[in-house]
PDB file of N, CA and C in Angstrom:
ATOM      1  N   MET A   1      22.933 -31.929   6.612  1.00  0.00           N
ATOM      2  CA  MET A   1      22.426 -31.396   5.399  1.00  0.00           C
ATOM      3  C   MET A   1      21.005 -30.668   5.647  1.00  0.00           C
ATOM      4  N   LEU A   2      20.234 -30.976   6.521  1.00  0.00           N
ATOM      5  CA  LEU A   2      18.903 -30.466   6.937  1.00  0.00           C
ATOM      6  C   LEU A   2      19.386 -28.957   7.814  1.00  0.00           C
ATOM      7  N   TYR A   3      20.696 -28.939   8.524  1.00  0.00           N
ATOM      8  CA  TYR A   3      20.735 -27.678   9.150  1.00  0.00           C
ATOM      9  C   TYR A   3      21.024 -26.306   8.043  1.00  0.00           C
ATOM     10  N   VAL A   4      21.774 -26.931   7.133  1.00  0.00           N
ATOM     11  CA  VAL A   4      22.193 -25.907   6.119  1.00  0.00           C
ATOM     12  C   VAL A   4      20.966 -25.296   5.584  1.00  0.00           C
ATOM     13  N   ILE A   5      19.945 -26.247   5.228  1.00  0.00           N
ATOM     14  CA  ILE A   5      18.826 -25.684   4.565  1.00  0.00           C
ATOM     15  C   ILE A   5      17.909 -24.900   5.397  1.00  0.00           C
ATOM     16  N   LEU A   6      18.055 -25.286   6.898  1.00  0.00           N
ATOM     17  CA  LEU A   6      17.297 -24.384   7.874  1.00  0.00           C
ATOM     18  C   LEU A   6      17.993 -22.996   7.830  1.00  0.00           C
ATOM     19  N   ILE A   7      19.332 -22.850   8.024  1.00  0.00           N
ATOM     20  CA  ILE A   7      19.939 -21.893   8.061  1.00  0.00           C
ATOM     21  C   ILE A   7      19.937 -20.891   7.083  1.00  0.00           C
ATOM     22  N   ALA A   8      19.624 -21.484   5.798  1.00  0.00           N
ATOM     23  CA  ALA A   8      19.326 -20.718   4.490  1.00  0.00           C
ATOM     24  C   ALA A   8      18.095 -20.154   4.459  1.00  0.00           C
ATOM     25  N   ALA A   9      17.208 -20.895   5.041  1.00  0.00           N
ATOM     26  CA  ALA A   9      15.725 -20.229   5.178  1.00  0.00           C
ATOM     27  C   ALA A   9      15.748 -19.289   6.001  1.00  0.00           C
ATOM     28  N   ALA A  10      16.193 -19.471   7.341  1.00  0.00           N
ATOM     29  CA  ALA A  10      16.157 -18.321   8.307  1.00  0.00           C
ATOM     30  C   ALA A  10      16.841 -16.893   7.769  1.00  0.00           C
ATOM     31  N   ILE A  11      18.026 -17.149   7.175  1.00  0.00           N
ATOM     32  CA  ILE A  11      18.989 -15.808   6.355  1.00  0.00           C
ATOM     33  C   ILE A  11      17.612 -15.393   5.376  1.00  0.00           C
ATOM     34  N   ILE A  12      17.200 -16.162   4.438  1.00  0.00           N
ATOM     35  CA  ILE A  12      16.092 -15.574   3.495  1.00  0.00           C
ATOM     36  C   ILE A  12      15.012 -14.852   4.237  1.00  0.00           C
ATOM     37  N   PHE A  13      14.446 -15.526   5.110  1.00  0.00           N
ATOM     38  CA  PHE A  13      13.396 -14.949   5.895  1.00  0.00           C
ATOM     39  C   PHE A  13      13.886 -13.574   6.556  1.00  0.00           C
ATOM     40  N   TRP A  14      15.059 -13.621   7.174  1.00  0.00           N
ATOM     41  CA  TRP A  14      15.720 -12.116   7.534  1.00  0.00           C
ATOM     42  C   TRP A  14      15.701 -11.208   6.592  1.00  0.00           C
ATOM     43  N   LEU A  15      16.287 -11.640   5.383  1.00  0.00           N
ATOM     44  CA  LEU A  15      16.340 -10.638   4.392  1.00  0.00           C
ATOM     45  C   LEU A  15      15.037  -9.978   3.766  1.00  0.00           C
ATOM     46  N   VAL A  16      14.091 -10.792   3.795  1.00  0.00           N
ATOM     47  CA  VAL A  16      12.838 -10.418   3.224  1.00  0.00           C
ATOM     48  C   VAL A  16      11.867  -9.743   4.322  1.00  0.00           C
ATOM     49  N   ALA A  17      11.972 -10.279   5.424  1.00  0.00           N
ATOM     50  CA  ALA A  17      10.956  -9.869   6.574  1.00  0.00           C
ATOM     51  C   ALA A  17      11.285  -8.845   7.274  1.00  0.00           C
ATOM     52  N   VAL A  18      12.492  -8.523   7.590  1.00  0.00           N
ATOM     53  CA  VAL A  18      12.986  -7.382   8.563  1.00  0.00           C
ATOM     54  C   VAL A  18      12.606  -6.126   7.825  1.00  0.00           C
ATOM     55  N   ASP A  19      12.176  -5.189   8.445  1.00  0.00           N
ATOM     56  CA  ASP A  19      11.955  -3.768   8.046  1.00  0.00           C
ATOM     57  C   ASP A  19      13.528  -2.942   8.091  1.00  0.00           C
ATOM     58  N   ARG A  20      14.106  -2.591   7.079  1.00  0.00           N
ATOM     59  CA  ARG A  20      15.382  -1.987   6.948  1.00  0.00           C
ATOM     60  C   ARG A  20      15.332  -0.843   6.317  1.00  0.00           C
ATOM     61  N   PRO A  21      14.658   0.425   6.900  1.00  0.00           N
ATOM     62  CA  PRO A  21      14.794   1.747   6.215  1.00  0.00           C
ATOM     63  C   PRO A  21      16.249   2.346   6.525  1.00  0.00           C
ATOM     64  N   VAL A  22      16.675   3.165   5.517  1.00  0.00           N
ATOM     65  CA  VAL A  22      17.890   3.868   5.588  1.00  0.00           C
ATOM     66  C   VAL A  22      17.541   5.020   6.531  1.00  0.00           C
ATOM     67  N   LEU A  23      16.723   5.612   6.608  1.00  0.00           N
ATOM     68  CA  LEU A  23      16.285   6.814   7.623  1.00  0.00           C
ATOM     69  C   LEU A  23      15.035   6.459   8.187  1.00  0.00           C
ATOM     70  N   VAL A  24      14.798   6.990   9.541  1.00  0.00           N
ATOM     71  CA  VAL A  24      13.382   7.083  10.326  1.00  0.00           C
ATOM     72  C   VAL A  24      13.611   8.139  11.053  1.00  0.00           C
ATOM     73  N   VAL A  25      12.594   9.014  10.977  1.00  0.00           N
ATOM     74  CA  VAL A  25      12.297  10.290  11.439  1.00  0.00           C
ATOM     75  C   VAL A  25      11.058  10.345  12.239  1.00  0.00           C
ATOM     76  N   THR A  26      11.013  10.420  13.564  1.00  0.00           N
ATOM     77  CA  THR A  26       9.835  10.559  14.334  1.00  0.00           C
ATOM     78  C   THR A  26       9.380  12.063  14.754  1.00  0.00           C
ATOM     79  N   PHE A  27       7.846  12.294  14.570  1.00  0.00           N
ATOM     80  CA  PHE A  27       7.566  13.424  15.056  1.00  0.00           C
ATOM     81  C   PHE A  27       6.488  13.180  16.102  1.00  0.00           C
ATOM     82  N   LYS A  28       6.434  14.169  17.001  1.00  0.00           N
ATOM     83  CA  LYS A  28       5.225  14.301  17.931  1.00  0.00           C
ATOM     84  C   LYS A  28       5.105  15.785  18.327  1.00  0.00           C
ATOM     85  N   ASP A  29       3.588  15.966  18.094  1.00  0.00           N
ATOM     86  CA  ASP A  29       3.160  17.257  18.308  1.00  0.00           C
ATOM     87  C   ASP A  29       3.955  18.486  17.464  1.00  0.00           C
ATOM     88  N   GLY A  30       4.558  18.258  16.483  1.00  0.00           N
ATOM     89  CA  GLY A  30       5.278  19.373  15.674  1.00  0.00           C
ATOM     90  C   GLY A  30       6.701  19.457  16.119  1.00  0.00           C
ATOM     91  N   GLN A  31       7.163  18.390  16.804  1.00  0.00           N
ATOM     92  CA  GLN A  31       8.671  18.465  17.162  1.00  0.00           C
ATOM     93  C   GLN A  31       9.334  17.216  16.689  1.00  0.00           C
ATOM     94  N   LEU A  32      10.453  17.320  16.025  1.00  0.00           N
ATOM     95  CA  LEU A  32      11.349  16.299  15.728  1.00  0.00           C
ATOM     96  C   LEU A  32      11.971  15.639  16.700  1.00  0.00           C
ATOM     97  N   ILE A  33      11.353  14.383  17.183  1.00  0.00           N
ATOM     98  CA  ILE A  33      11.836  13.722  18.479  1.00  0.00           C
ATOM     99  C   ILE A  33      12.888  13.027  18.260  1.00  0.00           C
ATOM    100  N   LYS A  34      12.990  12.012  17.111  1.00  0.00           N
ATOM    101  CA  LYS A  34      13.977  11.122  16.824  1.00  0.00           C
ATOM    102  C   LYS A  34      14.229  10.956  15.708  1.00  0.00           C
ATOM    103  N   SER A  35      15.561  10.485  15.128  1.00  0.00           N
ATOM    104  CA  SER A  35      15.926  10.402  13.962  1.00  0.00           C
ATOM    105  C   SER A  35      17.214   9.256  13.884  1.00  0.00           C
ATOM    106  N   LYS A  36      17.132   8.353  12.998  1.00  0.00           N
ATOM    107  CA  LYS A  36      17.942   7.238  12.751  1.00  0.00           C
ATOM    108  C   LYS A  36      18.387   7.052  11.519  1.00  0.00           C
ATOM    109  N   GLY A  37      19.558   7.183  11.136  1.00  0.00           N
ATOM    110  CA  GLY A  37      20.131   7.164   9.760  1.00  0.00           C
ATOM    111  C   GLY A  37      20.593   8.213   9.595  1.00  0.00           C
ATOM    112  N   HIS A  38      21.197   8.501   8.170  1.00  0.00           N
ATOM    113  CA  HIS A  38      21.559   9.687   7.613  1.00  0.00           C
ATOM    114  C   HIS A  38      20.611  10.903   7.268  1.00  0.00           C
ATOM    115  N   LEU A  39      20.542  11.795   8.060  1.00  0.00           N
ATOM    116  CA  LEU A  39      19.635  12.998   7.896  1.00  0.00           C
ATOM    117  C   LEU A  39      20.397  14.161   7.481  1.00  0.00           C
ATOM    118  N   PRO A  40      20.034  14.512   6.132  1.00  0.00           N
ATOM    119  CA  PRO A  40      20.853  15.569   5.478  1.00  0.00           C
ATOM    120  C   PRO A  40      20.372  17.049   6.466  1.00  0.00           C
ATOM    121  N   HIS A  41      21.290  18.002   6.519  1.00  0.00           N
ATOM    122  CA  HIS A  41      20.974  19.220   7.447  1.00  0.00           C
ATOM    123  C   HIS A  41      20.022  19.831   6.505  1.00  0.00           C
ATOM    124  N   THR A  42      19.899  20.211   5.515  1.00  0.00           N
ATOM    125  CA  THR A  42      18.719  21.031   4.613  1.00  0.00           C
ATOM    126  C   THR A  42      17.738  20.228   4.875  1.00  0.00           C
ATOM    127  N   PHE A  43      17.538  18.901   4.682  1.00  0.00           N
ATOM    128  CA  PHE A  43      16.264  18.152   4.881  1.00  0.00           C
ATOM    129  C   PHE A  43      15.625  18.276   6.162  1.00  0.00           C
ATOM    130  N   LYS A  44      16.586  18.182   7.062  1.00  0.00           N
ATOM    131  CA  LYS A  44      16.152  18.397   8.618  1.00  0.00           C
ATOM    132  C   LYS A  44      15.586  19.775   8.844  1.00  0.00           C
ATOM    133  N   HIS A  45      16.278  20.639   8.414  1.00  0.00           N
ATOM    134  CA  HIS A  45      15.744  21.956   8.428  1.00  0.00           C
ATOM    135  C   HIS A  45      14.282  22.208   7.966  1.00  0.00           C
ATOM    136  N   ASN A  46      14.060  21.583   6.548  1.00  0.00           N
ATOM    137  CA  ASN A  46      12.817  21.903   6.031  1.00  0.00           C
ATOM    138  C   ASN A  46      11.645  21.160   6.929  1.00  0.00           C
ATOM    139  N   LEU A  47      12.126  19.821   7.319  1.00  0.00           N
ATOM    140  CA  LEU A  47      11.106  19.133   8.144  1.00  0.00           C
ATOM    141  C   LEU A  47      10.842  19.683   9.377  1.00  0.00           C
ATOM    142  N   VAL A  48      11.732  20.437  10.163  1.00  0.00           N
ATOM    143  CA  VAL A  48      11.426  21.177  11.282  1.00  0.00           C
ATOM    144  C   VAL A  48      10.437  22.306  10.905  1.00  0.00           C
ATOM    145  N   ASP A  49      10.681  23.068   9.846  1.00  0.00           N
ATOM    146  CA  ASP A  49       9.969  24.001   9.333  1.00  0.00           C
ATOM    147  C   ASP A  49       8.454  23.898   9.212  1.00  0.00           C
ATOM    148  N   ILE A  50       8.415  22.804   8.386  1.00  0.00           N
ATOM    149  CA  ILE A  50       7.033  22.086   7.959  1.00  0.00           C
ATOM    150  C   ILE A  50       6.199  21.795   9.334  1.00  0.00           C
ATOM    151  N   ALA A  51       7.038  21.044  10.513  1.00  0.00           N
ATOM    152  CA  ALA A  51       6.245  20.625  11.466  1.00  0.00           C
ATOM    153  C   ALA A  51       5.922  21.793  12.284  1.00  0.00           C
ATOM    154  N   GLN A  52       6.680  22.985  12.161  1.00  0.00           N
ATOM    155  CA  GLN A  52       6.287  24.076  12.963  1.00  0.00           C
ATOM    156  C   GLN A  52       5.107  24.755  12.555  1.00  0.00           C
ATOM    157  N   HIS A  53       4.904  24.773  11.159  1.00  0.00           N
ATOM    158  CA  HIS A  53       3.887  25.584  10.534  1.00  0.00           C
ATOM    159  C   HIS A  53       2.482  24.613  10.755  1.00  0.00           C
ATOM    160  N   GLU A  54       2.644  23.277  10.564  1.00  0.00           N
ATOM    161  CA  GLU A  54       1.429  22.416  10.876  1.00  0.00           C
ATOM    162  C   GLU A  54       1.973  21.490  11.640  1.00  0.00           C
ATOM    163  N   PRO A  55       1.761  21.442  12.980  1.00  0.00           N
ATOM    164  CA  PRO A  55       2.015  20.480  13.788  1.00  0.00           C
ATOM    165  C   PRO A  55       1.297  18.991  13.498  1.00  0.00           C
ATOM    166  N   PHE A  56       2.271  17.962  13.705  1.00  0.00           N
ATOM    167  CA  PHE A  56       1.708  16.685  13.466  1.00  0.00           C
ATOM    168  C   PHE A  56       2.377  15.751  14.031  1.00  0.00           C
ATOM    169  N   SER A  57       1.914  14.476  14.208  1.00  0.00           N
ATOM    170  CA  SER A  57       2.648  13.539  14.994  1.00  0.00           C
ATOM    171  C   SER A  57       2.657  12.308  14.098  1.00  0.00           C
ATOM    172  N   GLY A  58       3.914  11.416  13.951  1.00  0.00           N
ATOM    173  CA  GLY A  58       3.743  10.164  13.277  1.00  0.00           C
ATOM    174  C   GLY A  58       5.343  10.050  12.855  1.00  0.00           C
ATOM    175  N   GLN A  59       5.499   9.016  11.919  1.00  0.00           N
ATOM    176  CA  GLN A  59       6.736   8.544  11.517  1.00  0.00           C
ATOM    177  C   GLN A  59       6.985   8.490   9.932  1.00  0.00           C
ATOM    178  N   LEU A  60       8.409   9.055   9.704  1.00  0.00           N
ATOM    179  CA  LEU A  60       8.757   8.853   8.414  1.00  0.00           C
ATOM    180  C   LEU A  60       9.830   7.857   8.059  1.00  0.00           C
ATOM    181  N   LYS A  61       9.514   6.885   7.062  1.00  0.00           N
ATOM    182  CA  LYS A  61      10.725   6.070   6.699  1.00  0.00           C
ATOM    183  C   LYS A  61      11.089   6.223   5.377  1.00  0.00           C
ATOM    184  N   VAL A  62      12.372   6.123   5.223  1.00  0.00           N
ATOM    185  CA  VAL A  62      12.965   6.249   3.686  1.00  0.00           C
ATOM    186  C   VAL A  62      13.570   4.810   3.599  1.00  0.00           C
ATOM    187  N   TYR A  63      13.250   4.011   2.535  1.00  0.00           N
ATOM    188  CA  TYR A  63      13.791   3.285   2.008  1.00  0.00           C
ATOM    189  C   TYR A  63      14.602   3.311   0.620  1.00  0.00           C
ATOM    190  N   GLN A  64      15.697   2.615   0.669  1.00  0.00           N
ATOM    191  CA  GLN A  64      16.606   2.792  -0.686  1.00  0.00           C
ATOM    192  C   GLN A  64      16.318   1.442  -1.570  1.00  0.00           C
ATOM    193  N   GLN A  65      15.757   1.883  -2.930  1.00  0.00           N
ATOM    194  CA  GLN A  65      15.422   0.996  -3.802  1.00  0.00           C
ATOM    195  C   GLN A  65      16.298   1.050  -4.980  1.00  0.00           C
ATOM    196  N   ARG A  66      16.218   0.192  -6.120  1.00  0.00           N
ATOM    197  CA  ARG A  66      16.972   0.330  -7.102  1.00  0.00           C
ATOM    198  C   ARG A  66      16.631   1.583  -7.959  1.00  0.00           C
ATOM    199  N   THR A  67      15.334   1.919  -8.193  1.00  0.00           N
ATOM    200  CA  THR A  67      14.880   3.247  -8.671  1.00  0.00           C
ATOM    201  C   THR A  67      15.160   4.337  -7.926  1.00  0.00           C
ATOM    202  N   GLY A  68      15.688   4.365  -6.513  1.00  0.00           N
ATOM    203  CA  GLY A  68      15.917   5.591  -5.992  1.00  0.00           C
ATOM    204  C   GLY A  68      15.225   5.438  -4.606  1.00  0.00           C
ATOM    205  N   ALA A  69      15.305   6.356  -3.837  1.00  0.00           N
ATOM    206  CA  ALA A  69      14.454   6.301  -2.425  1.00  0.00           C
ATOM    207  C   ALA A  69      12.871   6.386  -2.502  1.00  0.00           C
ATOM    208  N   LYS A  70      12.350   5.580  -1.391  1.00  0.00           N
ATOM    209  CA  LYS A  70      11.008   5.394  -1.391  1.00  0.00           C
ATOM    210  C   LYS A  70      10.429   6.020   0.015  1.00  0.00           C
ATOM    211  N   LEU A  71       9.684   6.931   0.058  1.00  0.00           N
ATOM    212  CA  LEU A  71       9.070   7.429   1.419  1.00  0.00           C
ATOM    213  C   LEU A  71       7.867   6.884   1.816  1.00  0.00           C
ATOM    214  N   VAL A  72       7.985   6.452   3.093  1.00  0.00           N
ATOM    215  CA  VAL A  72       6.767   5.803   3.685  1.00  0.00           C
ATOM    216  C   VAL A  72       6.219   6.541   4.833  1.00  0.00           C
ATOM    217  N   PHE A  73       4.959   7.059   4.984  1.00  0.00           N
ATOM    218  CA  PHE A  73       4.566   7.977   6.030  1.00  0.00           C
ATOM    219  C   PHE A  73       3.542   6.942   6.871  1.00  0.00           C
ATOM    220  N   SER A  74       3.610   7.110   8.182  1.00  0.00           N
ATOM    221  CA  SER A  74       2.483   6.776   8.941  1.00  0.00           C
ATOM    222  C   SER A  74       1.364   7.342   8.701  1.00  0.00           C
ATOM    223  N   LYS A  75       0.042   6.646   8.983  1.00  0.00           N
ATOM    224  CA  LYS A  75      -1.236   7.021   8.797  1.00  0.00           C
ATOM    225  C   LYS A  75      -1.653   8.385   9.271  1.00  0.00           C
ATOM    226  N   ARG A  76      -0.877   8.774  10.537  1.00  0.00           N
ATOM    227  CA  ARG A  76      -1.159   9.828  11.432  1.00  0.00           C
ATOM    228  C   ARG A  76      -0.644  11.064  10.590  1.00  0.00           C
ATOM    229  N   ILE A  77       0.052  11.058   9.785  1.00  0.00           N
ATOM    230  CA  ILE A  77       0.683  12.308   8.863  1.00  0.00           C
ATOM    231  C   ILE A  77      -0.488  12.572   8.097  1.00  0.00           C
ATOM    232  N   PRO A  78      -1.050  13.851   7.988  1.00  0.00           N
ATOM    233  CA  PRO A  78      -1.909  14.459   7.064  1.00  0.00           C
ATOM    234  C   PRO A  78      -1.392  14.387   5.495  1.00  0.00           C
ATOM    235  N   LYS A  79      -2.246  14.135   4.493  1.00  0.00           N
ATOM    236  CA  LYS A  79      -1.785  14.034   3.123  1.00  0.00           C
ATOM    237  C   LYS A  79      -1.193  15.186   2.633  1.00  0.00           C
ATOM    238  N   LYS A  80      -1.656  16.405   3.162  1.00  0.00           N
ATOM    239  CA  LYS A  80      -1.245  17.796   2.725  1.00  0.00           C
ATOM    240  C   LYS A  80       0.209  17.802   3.153  1.00  0.00           C
ATOM    241  N   VAL A  81       0.612  17.269   4.373  1.00  0.00           N
ATOM    242  CA  VAL A  81       1.894  17.483   5.015  1.00  0.00           C
ATOM    243  C   VAL A  81       2.863  16.338   4.155  1.00  0.00           C
ATOM    244  N   GLN A  82       2.345  15.324   3.977  1.00  0.00           N
ATOM    245  CA  GLN A  82       3.066  14.240   3.372  1.00  0.00           C
ATOM    246  C   GLN A  82       3.576  14.707   1.771  1.00  0.00           C
ATOM    247  N   GLN A  83       2.767  15.676   1.208  1.00  0.00           N
ATOM    248  CA  GLN A  83       3.161  16.152   0.051  1.00  0.00           C
ATOM    249  C   GLN A  83       4.197  17.214   0.232  1.00  0.00           C
ATOM    250  N   ARG A  84       3.923  18.085   1.117  1.00  0.00           N
ATOM    251  CA  ARG A  84       4.953  18.981   1.521  1.00  0.00           C
ATOM    252  C   ARG A  84       6.380  18.411   1.709  1.00  0.00           C
ATOM    253  N   ILE A  85       6.473  17.367   2.404  1.00  0.00           N
ATOM    254  CA  ILE A  85       7.578  16.643   2.733  1.00  0.00           C
ATOM    255  C   ILE A  85       8.335  15.970   1.392  1.00  0.00           C
ATOM    256  N   ARG A  86       7.243  15.449   0.667  1.00  0.00           N
ATOM    257  CA  ARG A  86       8.063  14.891  -0.771  1.00  0.00           C
ATOM    258  C   ARG A  86       8.569  15.956  -1.590  1.00  0.00           C
ATOM    259  N   ASN A  87       7.970  17.041  -1.554  1.00  0.00           N
ATOM    260  CA  ASN A  87       8.398  18.285  -2.437  1.00  0.00           C
ATOM    261  C   ASN A  87       9.885  18.709  -1.981  1.00  0.00           C
ATOM    262  N   VAL A  88      10.166  18.537  -0.618  1.00  0.00           N
ATOM    263  CA  VAL A  88      11.417  18.812  -0.145  1.00  0.00           C
ATOM    264  C   VAL A  88      12.541  17.994   0.262  1.00  0.00           C
ATOM    265  N   PHE A  89      12.045  16.755  -0.175  1.00  0.00           N
ATOM    266  CA  PHE A  89      13.100  15.487   0.203  1.00  0.00           C
ATOM    267  C   PHE A  89      14.277  15.626  -1.127  1.00  0.00           C
ATOM    268  N   PRO A  90      15.405  15.495  -0.599  1.00  0.00           N
ATOM    269  CA  PRO A  90      16.529  15.502  -1.759  1.00  0.00           C
ATOM    270  C   PRO A  90      16.862  14.332  -2.161  1.00  0.00           C
ATOM    271  N   HIS A  91      16.020  13.820  -3.294  1.00  0.00           N
ATOM    272  CA  HIS A  91      16.192  12.464  -3.826  1.00  0.00           C
ATOM    273  C   HIS A  91      17.826  12.297  -4.381  1.00  0.00           C
ATOM    274  N   GLN A  92      18.255  13.362  -5.034  1.00  0.00           N
ATOM    275  CA  GLN A  92      19.667  13.135  -5.420  1.00  0.00           C
ATOM    276  C   GLN A  92      20.745  13.041  -4.343  1.00  0.00           C
ATOM    277  N   GLY A  93      20.393  13.708  -3.423  1.00  0.00           N
ATOM    278  CA  GLY A  93      21.359  13.613  -2.197  1.00  0.00           C
ATOM    279  C   GLY A  93      21.343  12.011  -1.760  1.00  0.00           C
ATOM    280  N   PHE A  94      20.216  11.472  -1.458  1.00  0.00           N
ATOM    281  CA  PHE A  94      20.117   9.880  -1.012  1.00  0.00           C
ATOM    282  C   PHE A  94      20.780   9.072  -2.225  1.00  0.00           C
ATOM    283  N   ASN A  95      20.615   9.245  -3.274  1.00  0.00           N
ATOM    284  CA  ASN A  95      21.214   8.524  -4.543  1.00  0.00           C
ATOM    285  C   ASN A  95      22.899   8.516  -4.449  1.00  0.00           C
ATOM    286  N   ASN A  96      23.243   9.621  -4.382  1.00  0.00           N
ATOM    287  CA  ASN A  96      24.753  10.139  -4.266  1.00  0.00           C
ATOM    288  C   ASN A  96      25.213   9.343  -3.047  1.00  0.00           C
ATOM    289  N   MET A  97      24.745   9.752  -1.965  1.00  0.00           N
ATOM    290  CA  MET A  97      25.051   9.187  -0.326  1.00  0.00           C
ATOM    291  C   MET A  97      25.193   7.713  -0.311  1.00  0.00           C
ATOM    292  N   ASN A  98      24.288   7.101  -0.717  1.00  0.00           N
ATOM    293  CA  ASN A  98      24.321   5.678  -0.682  1.00  0.00           C
ATOM    294  C   ASN A  98      25.342   4.948  -1.805  1.00  0.00           C
ATOM    295  N   SER A  99      25.552   5.383  -2.861  1.00  0.00           N
ATOM    296  CA  SER A  99      26.252   5.034  -4.078  1.00  0.00           C
ATOM    297  C   SER A  99      27.898   5.128  -3.787  1.00  0.00           C
ATOM    298  N   THR A 100      28.236   6.364  -2.832  1.00  0.00           N
ATOM    299  CA  THR A 100      29.310   6.488  -2.463  1.00  0.00           C
ATOM    300  C   THR A 100      29.808   5.637  -1.147  1.00  0.00           C
ATOM    301  N   ALA A 101      28.586   5.273  -0.402  1.00  0.00           N
ATOM    302  CA  ALA A 101      29.088   4.368   0.847  1.00  0.00           C
ATOM    303  C   ALA A 101      29.546   2.867   0.564  1.00  0.00           C
ATOM    304  N   LYS A 102      28.568   2.760  -0.891  1.00  0.00           N
ATOM    305  CA  LYS A 102      28.926   1.220  -1.212  1.00  0.00           C
ATOM    306  C   LYS A 102      30.341   0.925  -1.779  1.00  0.00           C
ATOM    307  N   LYS A 103      30.851   2.058  -2.424  1.00  0.00           N
ATOM    308  CA  LYS A 103      31.965   2.017  -2.960  1.00  0.00           C
ATOM    309  C   LYS A 103      33.136   2.227  -2.139  1.00  0.00           C
ATOM    310  N   GLY A 104      32.841   2.500  -0.752  1.00  0.00           N
ATOM    311  CA  GLY A 104      33.763   2.776   0.210  1.00  0.00           C
ATOM    312  C   GLY A 104      34.520   4.042   0.207  1.00  0.00           C
ATOM    313  N   HIS A 105      34.031   5.090  -0.341  1.00  0.00           N
ATOM    314  CA  HIS A 105      34.805   6.210  -0.573  1.00  0.00           C
ATOM    315  C   HIS A 105      34.302   7.451   0.644  1.00  0.00           C
TER     316      HIS A 105
END
């Protein structure tokens, strides 16, 4: 019985503590270095355009929540650039993409 409780505690810890973004985008000196997850083509194009006009380094993570997508920026990304990225982020595209993926379509 004790092992069942320990396994349940480990699973709950894993679900709560593990960082699980749906999209991670890494920039270095104004270049998009790496992306993990579904990155819509138009959003990628806009990110590259923003990075070319104002070079920066850092990381962008997108988390899916009940209310929609949440963007989290590393501290190295300037606030002005963060706002430009928020302005071009396709909120509807991420809501539709995740809802159809869950339904199996």
